[in-house]
Amino acid sequence: MNALKSAVAAIALLVAGPALAEFKLDSRYVDNDGDLIADIPTDPAQLVDPDTLIFAYTPVEDPAVYAEAWKDFLAHMETVTGKRVQFFPVQSNAAQIEAMRAGRLHIAGFNTGSNPLAVACAGFRPFTMMAKGDGSFGYEMEIITFPGSGIETVEDIKGKQLAFTSETSNSGYKAPSAILKADFAMEPGRDFEPVFSGKHDNSILGVANKDYPAASIANSVKARMIERDVVKADQFVTIYTSQTFPTTGYGVAHNLTPELQEKIKEAFRTFKWEGSSLEAEFSKSGEAQFIPITFKEHWDVIRKIDEATGVQYTCQ
């Protein structure tokens, strides 16, 4: 938790001043217990108990890689829940949020930045995330360039392009926007040209191939790509590393029956990582277990970044 406290301190100057808008859920959801996530409906007519559960992992890299990575875990979930579980490859954060809001997605891992939007607009109820064996968790936002780019400091980005991923991404847009403004007095459009790659792997490959002079990325994604030999470590120079942020949060749609929600939680809690396809992929960035989290506590720093950068949770 020290890293998260440091991250809060790092953006304190951004959130100081006039009171900012309080985080609120869309009007279709209620939060009577004050935990900032949608309550499970009390009306049985509003609850669903599907025969097939749809699971989606955040759209950061090649979906085929992650369909295989999650194979053993989803088989375990089928055993625990007694349901068929299907992996759904999503192409964007917006599509993932819309799928849950529309009732087509039941279990998901939403990336750090899109987690608050999923909670507010799609009734997402996060309860766990990956952590290292010692219980530590999170990743850092890095601003990277390539050797010989002429960019040696953050200030050298002025007048050049900086690749972001999408506007809902924490490390791919919101955190660097806040940090660049607060610490370097740099703003997109005025001091540099912002471009959007869509995904972290696109930004990382773009820098490796010298298509982008610099990019803001999640270093956990870069670590896994290096381990898979998609890119080489010597193709990058890191010119900025942030404080630690919480990583992808996993949870359920609010209107699954309480009994089913508990079974899904049990599947995450009882999954054995050792020798699994999940371990084979995520050990590349150090993860070794699922730990319990709450949106109210663990996403506090992310909500502050959203407030500081003027993010509005507009639900369609």
C-alpha atoms as a PDB file:
ATOM      1  CA  MET A   1       0.000   0.000   0.000  1.00  0.00           C
ATOM      2  CA  ASN A   2       2.976   2.372   0.347  1.00  0.00           C
ATOM      3  CA  ALA A   3       3.224   2.621  -3.430  1.00  0.00           C
ATOM      4  CA  LEU A   4      -0.422   3.614  -3.690  1.00  0.00           C
ATOM      5  CA  LYS A   5      -0.016   6.220  -0.965  1.00  0.00           C
ATOM      6  CA  SER A   6       2.941   7.625  -2.860  1.00  0.00           C
ATOM      7  CA  ALA A   7       0.866   7.753  -6.037  1.00  0.00           C
ATOM      8  CA  VAL A   8      -1.830   9.701  -4.229  1.00  0.00           C
ATOM      9  CA  ALA A   9       0.784  12.137  -2.950  1.00  0.00           C
ATOM     10  CA  ALA A  10       2.236  12.533  -6.441  1.00  0.00           C
ATOM     11  CA  ILE A  11      -1.038  13.913  -7.785  1.00  0.00           C
ATOM     12  CA  ALA A  12      -2.075  15.831  -4.678  1.00  0.00           C
ATOM     13  CA  LEU A  13      -1.356  19.169  -6.317  1.00  0.00           C
ATOM     14  CA  LEU A  14      -3.717  18.239  -9.134  1.00  0.00           C
ATOM     15  CA  VAL A  15      -6.680  17.474  -6.911  1.00  0.00           C
ATOM     16  CA  ALA A  16      -6.192  20.414  -4.570  1.00  0.00           C
ATOM     17  CA  GLY A  17      -8.449  23.398  -4.921  1.00  0.00           C
ATOM     18  CA  PRO A  18     -12.201  23.523  -5.596  1.00  0.00           C
ATOM     19  CA  ALA A  19     -14.198  20.396  -4.809  1.00  0.00           C
ATOM     20  CA  LEU A  20     -14.522  18.068  -7.771  1.00  0.00           C
ATOM     21  CA  ALA A  21     -17.487  15.950  -8.820  1.00  0.00           C
ATOM     22  CA  GLU A  22     -18.207  12.954  -6.595  1.00  0.00           C
ATOM     23  CA  PHE A  23     -18.002   9.517  -8.190  1.00  0.00           C
ATOM     24  CA  LYS A  24     -21.552   8.382  -8.975  1.00  0.00           C
ATOM     25  CA  LEU A  25     -23.179   5.354 -10.527  1.00  0.00           C
ATOM     26  CA  ASP A  26     -25.533   5.556 -13.479  1.00  0.00           C
ATOM     27  CA  SER A  27     -29.195   5.974 -12.490  1.00  0.00           C
ATOM     28  CA  ARG A  28     -30.019   2.364 -13.373  1.00  0.00           C
ATOM     29  CA  TYR A  29     -27.898   1.189 -10.396  1.00  0.00           C
ATOM     30  CA  VAL A  30     -28.193   1.752  -6.645  1.00  0.00           C
ATOM     31  CA  ASP A  31     -25.516   1.790  -3.945  1.00  0.00           C
ATOM     32  CA  ASN A  32     -27.281   1.663  -0.594  1.00  0.00           C
ATOM     33  CA  ASP A  33     -24.297   0.289   1.307  1.00  0.00           C
ATOM     34  CA  GLY A  34     -21.885   3.024   0.193  1.00  0.00           C
ATOM     35  CA  ASP A  35     -19.185   0.782  -1.263  1.00  0.00           C
ATOM     36  CA  LEU A  36     -19.290   2.711  -4.579  1.00  0.00           C
ATOM     37  CA  ILE A  37     -20.371  -0.310  -6.644  1.00  0.00           C
ATOM     38  CA  ALA A  38     -23.844  -1.378  -7.784  1.00  0.00           C
ATOM     39  CA  ASP A  39     -25.861  -3.372  -5.294  1.00  0.00           C
ATOM     40  CA  ILE A  40     -27.174  -6.779  -6.293  1.00  0.00           C
ATOM     41  CA  PRO A  41     -30.887  -6.332  -7.167  1.00  0.00           C
ATOM     42  CA  THR A  42     -33.315  -7.421  -4.464  1.00  0.00           C
ATOM     43  CA  ASP A  43     -36.093  -8.076  -6.990  1.00  0.00           C
ATOM     44  CA  PRO A  44     -35.717 -11.691  -8.220  1.00  0.00           C
ATOM     45  CA  ALA A  45     -37.149 -10.637 -11.596  1.00  0.00           C
ATOM     46  CA  GLN A  46     -34.048  -8.505 -12.179  1.00  0.00           C
ATOM     47  CA  LEU A  47     -31.571 -11.335 -11.513  1.00  0.00           C
ATOM     48  CA  VAL A  48     -30.066 -13.603 -14.180  1.00  0.00           C
ATOM     49  CA  ASP A  49     -28.618 -17.102 -13.934  1.00  0.00           C
ATOM     50  CA  PRO A  50     -27.328 -17.946 -17.439  1.00  0.00           C
ATOM     51  CA  ASP A  51     -26.400 -21.474 -18.530  1.00  0.00           C
ATOM     52  CA  THR A  52     -23.290 -20.107 -20.277  1.00  0.00           C
ATOM     53  CA  LEU A  53     -21.070 -17.519 -18.614  1.00  0.00           C
ATOM     54  CA  ILE A  54     -19.197 -15.114 -20.878  1.00  0.00           C
ATOM     55  CA  PHE A  55     -15.724 -14.015 -19.719  1.00  0.00           C
ATOM     56  CA  ALA A  56     -13.600 -11.267 -21.271  1.00  0.00           C
ATOM     57  CA  TYR A  57     -10.061 -10.174 -20.479  1.00  0.00           C
ATOM     58  CA  THR A  58      -9.059  -6.557 -21.029  1.00  0.00           C
ATOM     59  CA  PRO A  59      -8.100  -5.892 -24.679  1.00  0.00           C
ATOM     60  CA  VAL A  60      -4.380  -5.216 -24.370  1.00  0.00           C
ATOM     61  CA  GLU A  61      -2.674  -7.743 -26.625  1.00  0.00           C
ATOM     62  CA  ASP A  62      -3.307 -10.582 -29.095  1.00  0.00           C
ATOM     63  CA  PRO A  63      -6.674 -12.167 -28.077  1.00  0.00           C
ATOM     64  CA  ALA A  64      -5.496 -15.616 -29.227  1.00  0.00           C
ATOM     65  CA  VAL A  65      -2.657 -15.537 -26.708  1.00  0.00           C
ATOM     66  CA  TYR A  66      -5.053 -14.814 -23.876  1.00  0.00           C
ATOM     67  CA  ALA A  67      -7.720 -17.309 -24.913  1.00  0.00           C
ATOM     68  CA  GLU A  68      -5.041 -19.956 -24.377  1.00  0.00           C
ATOM     69  CA  ALA A  69      -3.684 -18.323 -21.217  1.00  0.00           C
ATOM     70  CA  TRP A  70      -7.098 -18.352 -19.533  1.00  0.00           C
ATOM     71  CA  LYS A  71      -7.960 -21.905 -20.670  1.00  0.00           C
ATOM     72  CA  ASP A  72      -7.142 -23.699 -17.399  1.00  0.00           C
ATOM     73  CA  PHE A  73      -8.765 -21.040 -15.246  1.00  0.00           C
ATOM     74  CA  LEU A  74     -12.013 -21.115 -17.223  1.00  0.00           C
ATOM     75  CA  ALA A  75     -12.091 -24.917 -16.971  1.00  0.00           C
ATOM     76  CA  HIS A  76     -11.748 -24.527 -13.200  1.00  0.00           C
ATOM     77  CA  MET A  77     -14.592 -22.000 -13.173  1.00  0.00           C
ATOM     78  CA  GLU A  78     -16.788 -24.441 -15.072  1.00  0.00           C
ATOM     79  CA  THR A  79     -16.154 -27.064 -12.381  1.00  0.00           C
ATOM     80  CA  VAL A  80     -16.894 -24.674  -9.517  1.00  0.00           C
ATOM     81  CA  THR A  81     -19.982 -23.013 -11.013  1.00  0.00           C
ATOM     82  CA  GLY A  82     -21.414 -25.966 -12.936  1.00  0.00           C
ATOM     83  CA  LYS A  83     -21.788 -23.640 -15.925  1.00  0.00           C
ATOM     84  CA  ARG A  84     -20.236 -23.535 -19.374  1.00  0.00           C
ATOM     85  CA  VAL A  85     -17.753 -20.644 -19.540  1.00  0.00           C
ATOM     86  CA  GLN A  86     -16.836 -19.028 -22.853  1.00  0.00           C
ATOM     87  CA  PHE A  87     -13.889 -16.692 -23.541  1.00  0.00           C
ATOM     88  CA  PHE A  88     -14.981 -13.585 -25.425  1.00  0.00           C
ATOM     89  CA  PRO A  89     -12.185 -11.648 -27.201  1.00  0.00           C
ATOM     90  CA  VAL A  90     -12.957  -7.928 -27.029  1.00  0.00           C
ATOM     91  CA  GLN A  91     -11.309  -5.397 -29.326  1.00  0.00           C
ATOM     92  CA  SER A  92     -11.678  -2.237 -27.237  1.00  0.00           C
ATOM     93  CA  ASN A  93     -12.419  -1.008 -23.735  1.00  0.00           C
ATOM     94  CA  ALA A  94     -15.602   0.638 -24.981  1.00  0.00           C
ATOM     95  CA  ALA A  95     -16.857  -2.601 -26.524  1.00  0.00           C
ATOM     96  CA  GLN A  96     -16.140  -4.496 -23.318  1.00  0.00           C
ATOM     97  CA  ILE A  97     -18.044  -1.993 -21.179  1.00  0.00           C
ATOM     98  CA  GLU A  98     -20.975  -1.922 -23.595  1.00  0.00           C
ATOM     99  CA  ALA A  99     -21.149  -5.731 -23.616  1.00  0.00           C
ATOM    100  CA  MET A 100     -21.530  -5.852 -19.827  1.00  0.00           C
ATOM    101  CA  ARG A 101     -23.992  -2.954 -19.785  1.00  0.00           C
ATOM    102  CA  ALA A 102     -26.108  -4.764 -22.392  1.00  0.00           C
ATOM    103  CA  GLY A 103     -26.050  -8.050 -20.464  1.00  0.00           C
ATOM    104  CA  ARG A 104     -23.822  -9.922 -22.935  1.00  0.00           C
ATOM    105  CA  LEU A 105     -20.821 -10.150 -20.589  1.00  0.00           C
ATOM    106  CA  HIS A 106     -20.950 -11.702 -17.124  1.00  0.00           C
ATOM    107  CA  ILE A 107     -17.357 -11.902 -15.831  1.00  0.00           C
ATOM    108  CA  ALA A 108     -14.508  -9.628 -16.847  1.00  0.00           C
ATOM    109  CA  GLY A 109     -11.121  -8.187 -16.179  1.00  0.00           C
ATOM    110  CA  PHE A 110     -11.318  -4.439 -16.807  1.00  0.00           C
ATOM    111  CA  ASN A 111      -8.042  -2.567 -17.079  1.00  0.00           C
ATOM    112  CA  THR A 112      -7.046  -0.006 -14.474  1.00  0.00           C
ATOM    113  CA  GLY A 113      -8.331   3.064 -16.266  1.00  0.00           C
ATOM    114  CA  SER A 114     -11.619   1.671 -17.551  1.00  0.00           C
ATOM    115  CA  ASN A 115     -12.531   0.095 -14.191  1.00  0.00           C
ATOM    116  CA  PRO A 116     -14.335   3.208 -12.842  1.00  0.00           C
ATOM    117  CA  LEU A 117     -16.282   3.619 -16.090  1.00  0.00           C
ATOM    118  CA  ALA A 118     -17.286  -0.062 -16.004  1.00  0.00           C
ATOM    119  CA  VAL A 119     -18.401   0.313 -12.378  1.00  0.00           C
ATOM    120  CA  ALA A 120     -20.346   3.511 -13.040  1.00  0.00           C
ATOM    121  CA  CYS A 121     -21.915   2.632 -16.379  1.00  0.00           C
ATOM    122  CA  ALA A 122     -22.054  -1.168 -16.609  1.00  0.00           C
ATOM    123  CA  GLY A 123     -22.764  -2.291 -13.046  1.00  0.00           C
ATOM    124  CA  PHE A 124     -19.379  -3.984 -12.761  1.00  0.00           C
ATOM    125  CA  ARG A 125     -18.580  -5.397  -9.308  1.00  0.00           C
ATOM    126  CA  PRO A 126     -14.782  -5.904  -9.022  1.00  0.00           C
ATOM    127  CA  PHE A 127     -13.520  -8.091  -6.177  1.00  0.00           C
ATOM    128  CA  THR A 128     -10.061  -9.404  -7.056  1.00  0.00           C
ATOM    129  CA  MET A 129      -6.852  -8.749  -8.947  1.00  0.00           C
ATOM    130  CA  MET A 130      -3.570 -10.508  -9.640  1.00  0.00           C
ATOM    131  CA  ALA A 131      -0.608 -10.129  -7.308  1.00  0.00           C
ATOM    132  CA  LYS A 132       2.882 -11.461  -6.833  1.00  0.00           C
ATOM    133  CA  GLY A 133       3.590 -14.341  -4.488  1.00  0.00           C
ATOM    134  CA  ASP A 134       4.376 -11.963  -1.619  1.00  0.00           C
ATOM    135  CA  GLY A 135       1.043 -10.164  -2.036  1.00  0.00           C
ATOM    136  CA  SER A 136       2.457  -7.046  -3.685  1.00  0.00           C
ATOM    137  CA  PHE A 137       0.685  -5.880  -6.798  1.00  0.00           C
ATOM    138  CA  GLY A 138       0.495  -3.299  -9.515  1.00  0.00           C
ATOM    139  CA  TYR A 139       2.433  -1.894 -12.427  1.00  0.00           C
ATOM    140  CA  GLU A 140       4.027   1.372 -13.439  1.00  0.00           C
ATOM    141  CA  MET A 141       3.302   3.734 -16.296  1.00  0.00           C
ATOM    142  CA  GLU A 142       6.394   4.249 -18.414  1.00  0.00           C
ATOM    143  CA  ILE A 143       7.108   6.760 -21.138  1.00  0.00           C
ATOM    144  CA  ILE A 144       9.359   4.966 -23.582  1.00  0.00           C
ATOM    145  CA  THR A 145      11.308   5.852 -26.701  1.00  0.00           C
ATOM    146  CA  PHE A 146      13.827   4.028 -28.901  1.00  0.00           C
ATOM    147  CA  PRO A 147      17.612   4.351 -28.844  1.00  0.00           C
ATOM    148  CA  GLY A 148      18.800   7.187 -31.048  1.00  0.00           C
ATOM    149  CA  SER A 149      15.413   8.934 -31.149  1.00  0.00           C
ATOM    150  CA  GLY A 150      16.909  12.163 -29.844  1.00  0.00           C
ATOM    151  CA  ILE A 151      14.564  11.985 -26.852  1.00  0.00           C
ATOM    152  CA  GLU A 152      16.488  11.728 -23.603  1.00  0.00           C
ATOM    153  CA  THR A 153      14.111  13.484 -21.192  1.00  0.00           C
ATOM    154  CA  VAL A 154      10.363  14.010 -20.995  1.00  0.00           C
ATOM    155  CA  GLU A 155      10.831  17.631 -22.069  1.00  0.00           C
ATOM    156  CA  ASP A 156      12.418  16.419 -25.325  1.00  0.00           C
ATOM    157  CA  ILE A 157       8.954  15.186 -26.421  1.00  0.00           C
ATOM    158  CA  LYS A 158       7.941  18.802 -27.047  1.00  0.00           C
ATOM    159  CA  GLY A 159       7.148  19.320 -30.714  1.00  0.00           C
ATOM    160  CA  LYS A 160       7.001  15.566 -31.365  1.00  0.00           C
ATOM    161  CA  GLN A 161       4.402  12.789 -31.240  1.00  0.00           C
ATOM    162  CA  LEU A 162       3.494  10.913 -28.065  1.00  0.00           C
ATOM    163  CA  ALA A 163       1.467   7.734 -28.526  1.00  0.00           C
ATOM    164  CA  PHE A 164      -1.353   7.025 -26.085  1.00  0.00           C
ATOM    165  CA  THR A 165      -3.523   3.889 -26.174  1.00  0.00           C
ATOM    166  CA  SER A 166      -7.114   5.012 -25.527  1.00  0.00           C
ATOM    167  CA  GLU A 167      -8.783   7.703 -23.467  1.00  0.00           C
ATOM    168  CA  THR A 168     -10.134   5.140 -20.969  1.00  0.00           C
ATOM    169  CA  SER A 169      -6.674   3.748 -20.189  1.00  0.00           C
ATOM    170  CA  ASN A 170      -4.928   4.800 -16.992  1.00  0.00           C
ATOM    171  CA  SER A 171      -1.300   4.246 -17.987  1.00  0.00           C
ATOM    172  CA  GLY A 172      -2.083   4.719 -21.664  1.00  0.00           C
ATOM    173  CA  TYR A 173      -3.642   8.157 -21.290  1.00  0.00           C
ATOM    174  CA  LYS A 174      -5.077   9.452 -18.014  1.00  0.00           C
ATOM    175  CA  ALA A 175      -2.057   9.101 -15.701  1.00  0.00           C
ATOM    176  CA  PRO A 176       0.501  10.455 -18.183  1.00  0.00           C
ATOM    177  CA  SER A 177      -1.804  13.359 -19.066  1.00  0.00           C
ATOM    178  CA  ALA A 178      -2.071  14.280 -15.379  1.00  0.00           C
ATOM    179  CA  ILE A 179       1.650  13.839 -14.719  1.00  0.00           C
ATOM    180  CA  LEU A 180       2.775  15.728 -17.834  1.00  0.00           C
ATOM    181  CA  LYS A 181       0.548  18.659 -16.912  1.00  0.00           C
ATOM    182  CA  ALA A 182       1.437  18.737 -13.217  1.00  0.00           C
ATOM    183  CA  ASP A 183       5.147  17.955 -13.295  1.00  0.00           C
ATOM    184  CA  PHE A 184       6.247  19.206 -16.719  1.00  0.00           C
ATOM    185  CA  ALA A 185       3.639  21.863 -17.672  1.00  0.00           C
ATOM    186  CA  MET A 186       3.071  19.972 -20.928  1.00  0.00           C
ATOM    187  CA  GLU A 187      -0.312  19.498 -22.562  1.00  0.00           C
ATOM    188  CA  PRO A 188      -1.358  17.509 -25.645  1.00  0.00           C
ATOM    189  CA  GLY A 189      -2.034  19.594 -28.719  1.00  0.00           C
ATOM    190  CA  ARG A 190      -0.056  22.516 -27.374  1.00  0.00           C
ATOM    191  CA  ASP A 191       3.315  20.981 -26.517  1.00  0.00           C
ATOM    192  CA  PHE A 192       3.208  17.686 -28.405  1.00  0.00           C
ATOM    193  CA  GLU A 193       1.036  15.814 -30.886  1.00  0.00           C
ATOM    194  CA  PRO A 194      -1.062  13.068 -29.271  1.00  0.00           C
ATOM    195  CA  VAL A 195      -1.810   9.950 -31.314  1.00  0.00           C
ATOM    196  CA  PHE A 196      -3.848   6.928 -30.234  1.00  0.00           C
ATOM    197  CA  SER A 197      -2.722   3.376 -30.993  1.00  0.00           C
ATOM    198  CA  GLY A 198      -5.712   1.557 -29.466  1.00  0.00           C
ATOM    199  CA  LYS A 199      -3.751  -0.930 -27.329  1.00  0.00           C
ATOM    200  CA  HIS A 200      -0.573  -1.118 -25.265  1.00  0.00           C
ATOM    201  CA  ASP A 201       1.015  -3.694 -27.555  1.00  0.00           C
ATOM    202  CA  ASN A 202       0.397  -1.404 -30.551  1.00  0.00           C
ATOM    203  CA  SER A 203       2.183   1.444 -28.776  1.00  0.00           C
ATOM    204  CA  ILE A 204       5.070  -0.799 -27.712  1.00  0.00           C
ATOM    205  CA  LEU A 205       5.467  -2.254 -31.206  1.00  0.00           C
ATOM    206  CA  GLY A 206       5.155   1.249 -32.661  1.00  0.00           C
ATOM    207  CA  VAL A 207       8.128   2.451 -30.632  1.00  0.00           C
ATOM    208  CA  ALA A 208      10.119  -0.730 -31.326  1.00  0.00           C
ATOM    209  CA  ASN A 209       9.541  -0.249 -35.066  1.00  0.00           C
ATOM    210  CA  LYS A 210      10.246   3.509 -34.790  1.00  0.00           C
ATOM    211  CA  ASP A 211       6.743   4.412 -35.965  1.00  0.00           C
ATOM    212  CA  TYR A 212       6.247   6.468 -32.794  1.00  0.00           C
ATOM    213  CA  PRO A 213       9.066   8.519 -31.253  1.00  0.00           C
ATOM    214  CA  ALA A 214       7.611   7.970 -27.768  1.00  0.00           C
ATOM    215  CA  ALA A 215       4.702   6.241 -26.058  1.00  0.00           C
ATOM    216  CA  SER A 216       3.066   5.945 -22.663  1.00  0.00           C
ATOM    217  CA  ILE A 217       2.541   2.300 -21.705  1.00  0.00           C
ATOM    218  CA  ALA A 218       1.988  -0.175 -18.851  1.00  0.00           C
ATOM    219  CA  ASN A 219       5.328  -1.802 -18.088  1.00  0.00           C
ATOM    220  CA  SER A 220       3.662  -5.115 -17.192  1.00  0.00           C
ATOM    221  CA  VAL A 221       2.528  -5.444 -20.823  1.00  0.00           C
ATOM    222  CA  LYS A 222       6.015  -4.616 -22.066  1.00  0.00           C
ATOM    223  CA  ALA A 223       7.532  -7.217 -19.727  1.00  0.00           C
ATOM    224  CA  ARG A 224       5.272  -9.984 -21.051  1.00  0.00           C
ATOM    225  CA  MET A 225       5.994  -9.014 -24.673  1.00  0.00           C
ATOM    226  CA  ILE A 226       9.742  -9.133 -24.007  1.00  0.00           C
ATOM    227  CA  GLU A 227       9.412 -12.541 -22.336  1.00  0.00           C
ATOM    228  CA  ARG A 228       7.506 -13.854 -25.376  1.00  0.00           C
ATOM    229  CA  ASP A 229      10.226 -12.468 -27.698  1.00  0.00           C
ATOM    230  CA  VAL A 230       7.725 -10.224 -29.455  1.00  0.00           C
ATOM    231  CA  VAL A 231      10.120  -7.332 -28.801  1.00  0.00           C
ATOM    232  CA  LYS A 232      13.623  -6.986 -27.344  1.00  0.00           C
ATOM    233  CA  ALA A 233      14.504  -5.028 -24.220  1.00  0.00           C
ATOM    234  CA  ASP A 234      17.264  -3.160 -26.044  1.00  0.00           C
ATOM    235  CA  GLN A 235      14.712  -1.660 -28.441  1.00  0.00           C
ATOM    236  CA  PHE A 236      13.535   0.706 -25.702  1.00  0.00           C
ATOM    237  CA  VAL A 237      14.749   3.514 -23.491  1.00  0.00           C
ATOM    238  CA  THR A 238      12.544   4.450 -20.533  1.00  0.00           C
ATOM    239  CA  ILE A 239      12.557   8.179 -19.807  1.00  0.00           C
ATOM    240  CA  TYR A 240       9.861   8.223 -17.108  1.00  0.00           C
ATOM    241  CA  THR A 241       8.497   5.693 -14.596  1.00  0.00           C
ATOM    242  CA  SER A 242       5.455   6.491 -12.460  1.00  0.00           C
ATOM    243  CA  GLN A 243       4.449   5.352  -9.022  1.00  0.00           C
ATOM    244  CA  THR A 244       2.731   1.955  -8.792  1.00  0.00           C
ATOM    245  CA  PHE A 245      -0.935   1.631  -9.811  1.00  0.00           C
ATOM    246  CA  PRO A 246      -3.408  -1.229  -9.251  1.00  0.00           C
ATOM    247  CA  THR A 247      -3.600  -3.627 -12.158  1.00  0.00           C
ATOM    248  CA  THR A 248      -6.596  -5.192 -13.961  1.00  0.00           C
ATOM    249  CA  GLY A 249      -9.585  -5.690 -11.663  1.00  0.00           C
ATOM    250  CA  TYR A 250     -11.740  -8.804 -12.063  1.00  0.00           C
ATOM    251  CA  GLY A 251     -15.400  -9.025 -11.177  1.00  0.00           C
ATOM    252  CA  VAL A 252     -18.951  -9.725 -12.246  1.00  0.00           C
ATOM    253  CA  ALA A 253     -22.064  -8.109 -13.620  1.00  0.00           C
ATOM    254  CA  HIS A 254     -24.198  -6.806 -10.750  1.00  0.00           C
ATOM    255  CA  ASN A 255     -27.364  -8.697 -11.697  1.00  0.00           C
ATOM    256  CA  LEU A 256     -26.081 -12.257 -11.552  1.00  0.00           C
ATOM    257  CA  THR A 257     -27.784 -14.156  -8.741  1.00  0.00           C
ATOM    258  CA  PRO A 258     -26.057 -13.804  -5.356  1.00  0.00           C
ATOM    259  CA  GLU A 259     -25.379 -17.549  -5.306  1.00  0.00           C
ATOM    260  CA  LEU A 260     -23.708 -17.451  -8.723  1.00  0.00           C
ATOM    261  CA  GLN A 261     -21.635 -14.410  -7.785  1.00  0.00           C
ATOM    262  CA  GLU A 262     -20.339 -16.295  -4.749  1.00  0.00           C
ATOM    263  CA  LYS A 263     -19.463 -19.330  -6.886  1.00  0.00           C
ATOM    264  CA  ILE A 264     -17.513 -17.118  -9.297  1.00  0.00           C
ATOM    265  CA  LYS A 265     -15.628 -15.568  -6.383  1.00  0.00           C
ATOM    266  CA  GLU A 266     -14.891 -19.069  -5.118  1.00  0.00           C
ATOM    267  CA  ALA A 267     -13.414 -19.996  -8.513  1.00  0.00           C
ATOM    268  CA  PHE A 268     -10.954 -17.092  -8.324  1.00  0.00           C
ATOM    269  CA  ARG A 269     -10.154 -17.814  -4.678  1.00  0.00           C
ATOM    270  CA  THR A 270      -9.491 -21.547  -5.120  1.00  0.00           C
ATOM    271  CA  PHE A 271      -7.662 -21.584  -8.453  1.00  0.00           C
ATOM    272  CA  LYS A 272      -4.258 -23.300  -8.282  1.00  0.00           C
ATOM    273  CA  TRP A 273      -1.713 -21.343 -10.298  1.00  0.00           C
ATOM    274  CA  GLU A 274       1.154 -23.824 -10.245  1.00  0.00           C
ATOM    275  CA  GLY A 275       1.608 -25.509 -13.621  1.00  0.00           C
ATOM    276  CA  SER A 276      -1.404 -23.733 -15.163  1.00  0.00           C
ATOM    277  CA  SER A 277      -1.701 -21.901 -18.468  1.00  0.00           C
ATOM    278  CA  LEU A 278      -2.422 -18.742 -16.457  1.00  0.00           C
ATOM    279  CA  GLU A 279       0.890 -19.061 -14.615  1.00  0.00           C
ATOM    280  CA  ALA A 280       2.731 -19.696 -17.894  1.00  0.00           C
ATOM    281  CA  GLU A 281       1.615 -16.300 -19.232  1.00  0.00           C
ATOM    282  CA  PHE A 282       1.284 -14.022 -16.225  1.00  0.00           C
ATOM    283  CA  SER A 283       4.402 -15.158 -14.372  1.00  0.00           C
ATOM    284  CA  LYS A 284       6.195 -13.190 -17.107  1.00  0.00           C
ATOM    285  CA  SER A 285       5.136 -10.022 -15.310  1.00  0.00           C
ATOM    286  CA  GLY A 286       5.421 -11.508 -11.815  1.00  0.00           C
ATOM    287  CA  GLU A 287       1.826 -12.440 -10.993  1.00  0.00           C
ATOM    288  CA  ALA A 288       1.270 -15.612  -8.993  1.00  0.00           C
ATOM    289  CA  GLN A 289      -2.132 -15.390  -7.287  1.00  0.00           C
ATOM    290  CA  PHE A 290      -5.475 -13.606  -6.993  1.00  0.00           C
ATOM    291  CA  ILE A 291      -5.985 -11.352  -3.965  1.00  0.00           C
ATOM    292  CA  PRO A 292      -9.198  -9.724  -2.695  1.00  0.00           C
ATOM    293  CA  ILE A 293      -9.698  -6.017  -3.388  1.00  0.00           C
ATOM    294  CA  THR A 294     -12.378  -3.362  -3.065  1.00  0.00           C
ATOM    295  CA  PHE A 295     -13.097  -0.690  -5.634  1.00  0.00           C
ATOM    296  CA  LYS A 296     -13.533   1.908  -2.901  1.00  0.00           C
ATOM    297  CA  GLU A 297     -10.035   1.412  -1.466  1.00  0.00           C
ATOM    298  CA  HIS A 298      -7.814   0.122  -4.248  1.00  0.00           C
ATOM    299  CA  TRP A 299      -9.107   2.437  -6.998  1.00  0.00           C
ATOM    300  CA  ASP A 300      -9.038   5.590  -4.884  1.00  0.00           C
ATOM    301  CA  VAL A 301      -5.917   6.922  -6.637  1.00  0.00           C
ATOM    302  CA  ILE A 302      -7.419   6.219 -10.062  1.00  0.00           C
ATOM    303  CA  ARG A 303     -10.607   8.100  -9.225  1.00  0.00           C
ATOM    304  CA  LYS A 304      -8.450  11.031  -8.097  1.00  0.00           C
ATOM    305  CA  ILE A 305      -6.591  10.994 -11.419  1.00  0.00           C
ATOM    306  CA  ASP A 306      -9.943  10.948 -13.217  1.00  0.00           C
ATOM    307  CA  GLU A 307     -11.119  13.924 -11.178  1.00  0.00           C
ATOM    308  CA  ALA A 308      -7.889  15.794 -11.820  1.00  0.00           C
ATOM    309  CA  THR A 309      -8.074  15.267 -15.570  1.00  0.00           C
ATOM    310  CA  GLY A 310     -11.769  16.143 -15.802  1.00  0.00           C
ATOM    311  CA  VAL A 311     -12.977  12.642 -16.714  1.00  0.00           C
ATOM    312  CA  GLN A 312     -16.757  12.372 -16.893  1.00  0.00           C
ATOM    313  CA  TYR A 313     -18.467   8.990 -16.685  1.00  0.00           C
ATOM    314  CA  THR A 314     -20.999   9.510 -19.450  1.00  0.00           C
ATOM    315  CA  CYS A 315     -23.230   6.460 -19.851  1.00  0.00           C
ATOM    316  CA  GLN A 316     -25.108   5.934 -23.096  1.00  0.00           C
END
